[in-house]
Protein backbone atom coordinates (compact mmCIF):
# COMPACT_ATOMS: atom_id res chain seq x y z
CA UNK A 1 0.00 0.00 0.00
CA UNK A 2 2.87 2.35 0.83
CA UNK A 3 4.32 2.02 -2.65
CA UNK A 4 0.96 2.67 -4.31
CA UNK A 5 0.32 5.83 -2.29
CA UNK A 6 3.82 7.21 -2.44
CA UNK A 7 6.33 6.76 -5.21
CA UNK A 8 7.16 3.16 -6.09
CA UNK A 9 10.86 4.03 -6.03
CA UNK A 10 10.80 5.29 -2.45
CA UNK A 11 12.28 3.06 0.22
CA UNK A 12 10.00 2.12 3.10
CA UNK A 13 11.59 3.69 6.16
CA UNK A 14 12.02 1.74 9.38
CA UNK A 15 10.37 4.60 11.26
CA UNK A 16 7.64 6.21 9.19
CA UNK A 17 6.64 9.80 9.70
CA UNK A 18 3.31 10.15 11.53
CA UNK A 19 1.67 12.04 8.65
CA UNK A 20 2.41 9.15 6.29
CA UNK A 21 0.88 6.66 8.70
CA UNK A 22 -2.22 8.83 9.07
CA UNK A 23 -2.53 9.34 5.32
CA UNK A 24 -2.14 5.63 4.60
CA UNK A 25 -4.73 4.61 7.19
CA UNK A 26 -7.16 7.30 6.08
CA UNK A 27 -6.90 6.30 2.40
CA UNK A 28 -7.23 2.62 3.25
CA UNK A 29 -10.30 3.25 5.39
CA UNK A 30 -12.01 5.51 2.81
CA UNK A 31 -11.18 3.17 -0.07
CA UNK A 32 -12.48 0.15 1.82
CA UNK A 33 -15.78 1.94 2.50
CA UNK A 34 -16.22 2.42 -1.26
CA UNK A 35 -15.62 -1.21 -2.31
CA UNK A 36 -16.64 -3.07 0.86
CA UNK A 37 -20.11 -4.24 -0.22
CA UNK A 38 -18.93 -5.50 -3.62
CA UNK A 39 -16.05 -7.47 -2.12
CA UNK A 40 -18.15 -9.02 0.64
CA UNK A 41 -20.90 -10.00 -1.84
CA UNK A 42 -18.38 -11.56 -4.22
CA UNK A 43 -16.66 -13.67 -1.56
CA UNK A 44 -19.62 -14.28 0.75
CA UNK A 45 -19.46 -18.10 0.69
CA UNK A 46 -15.69 -18.45 0.99
CA UNK A 47 -14.56 -19.76 4.39
CA UNK A 48 -10.85 -19.18 3.87
CA UNK A 49 -9.24 -17.93 7.12
CA UNK A 50 -6.93 -15.59 5.20
CA UNK A 51 -9.90 -13.89 3.55
CA UNK A 52 -11.83 -13.67 6.81
CA UNK A 53 -8.80 -12.21 8.60
CA UNK A 54 -8.35 -9.59 5.89
CA UNK A 55 -12.04 -8.62 6.08
CA UNK A 56 -11.81 -8.34 9.88
CA UNK A 57 -8.66 -6.25 9.57
CA UNK A 58 -10.31 -3.87 7.11
CA UNK A 59 -13.67 -3.72 8.89
CA UNK A 60 -12.57 -3.52 12.51
CA UNK A 61 -8.89 -3.34 13.35
CA UNK A 62 -7.69 -0.56 11.05
CA UNK A 63 -10.59 1.82 11.81
CA UNK A 64 -10.18 1.12 15.54
CA UNK A 65 -6.43 1.77 15.41
CA UNK A 66 -6.97 4.94 13.40
CA UNK A 67 -9.57 6.26 15.84
CA UNK A 68 -7.51 5.29 18.88
CA UNK A 69 -4.46 7.03 17.44
CA UNK A 70 -6.45 10.16 16.65
CA UNK A 71 -8.09 10.32 20.07
CA UNK A 72 -5.73 8.88 22.68
CA UNK A 73 -2.31 9.60 21.22
CA UNK A 74 -3.09 13.20 20.30
CA UNK A 75 -4.72 13.76 23.70
CA UNK A 76 -1.42 12.97 25.37
CA UNK A 77 -2.65 9.81 27.10
CA UNK A 78 0.26 7.73 25.87
CA UNK A 79 -0.02 4.90 28.43
CA UNK A 80 -3.67 4.26 27.57
CA UNK A 81 -2.79 4.45 23.89
CA UNK A 82 -0.12 1.74 24.23
CA UNK A 83 -2.38 -0.54 26.29
CA UNK A 84 -5.24 -0.17 23.80
CA UNK A 85 -3.07 -0.82 20.75
CA UNK A 86 -1.69 -4.00 22.31
CA UNK A 87 -5.24 -5.19 23.10
CA UNK A 88 -6.24 -4.71 19.49
């Protein structure tokens, strides 16, 4: 996803800048909302754990992490942020 958003020639840094993380999560979340229904309808009867994990990641984990980052981290409640991220 990083290479599709940013230039394909860029090297993925070990420590990404926060604005790139936010942009990537925001684009992923908005893009998923657009295609979600079509993807779920197409693969409705498939019981593959990889597919189900990806759907759960896109439906639940990424939006939760994005919201937690926006609320807890920016509020300065770093300890609660770390605990919540590890629970996710």
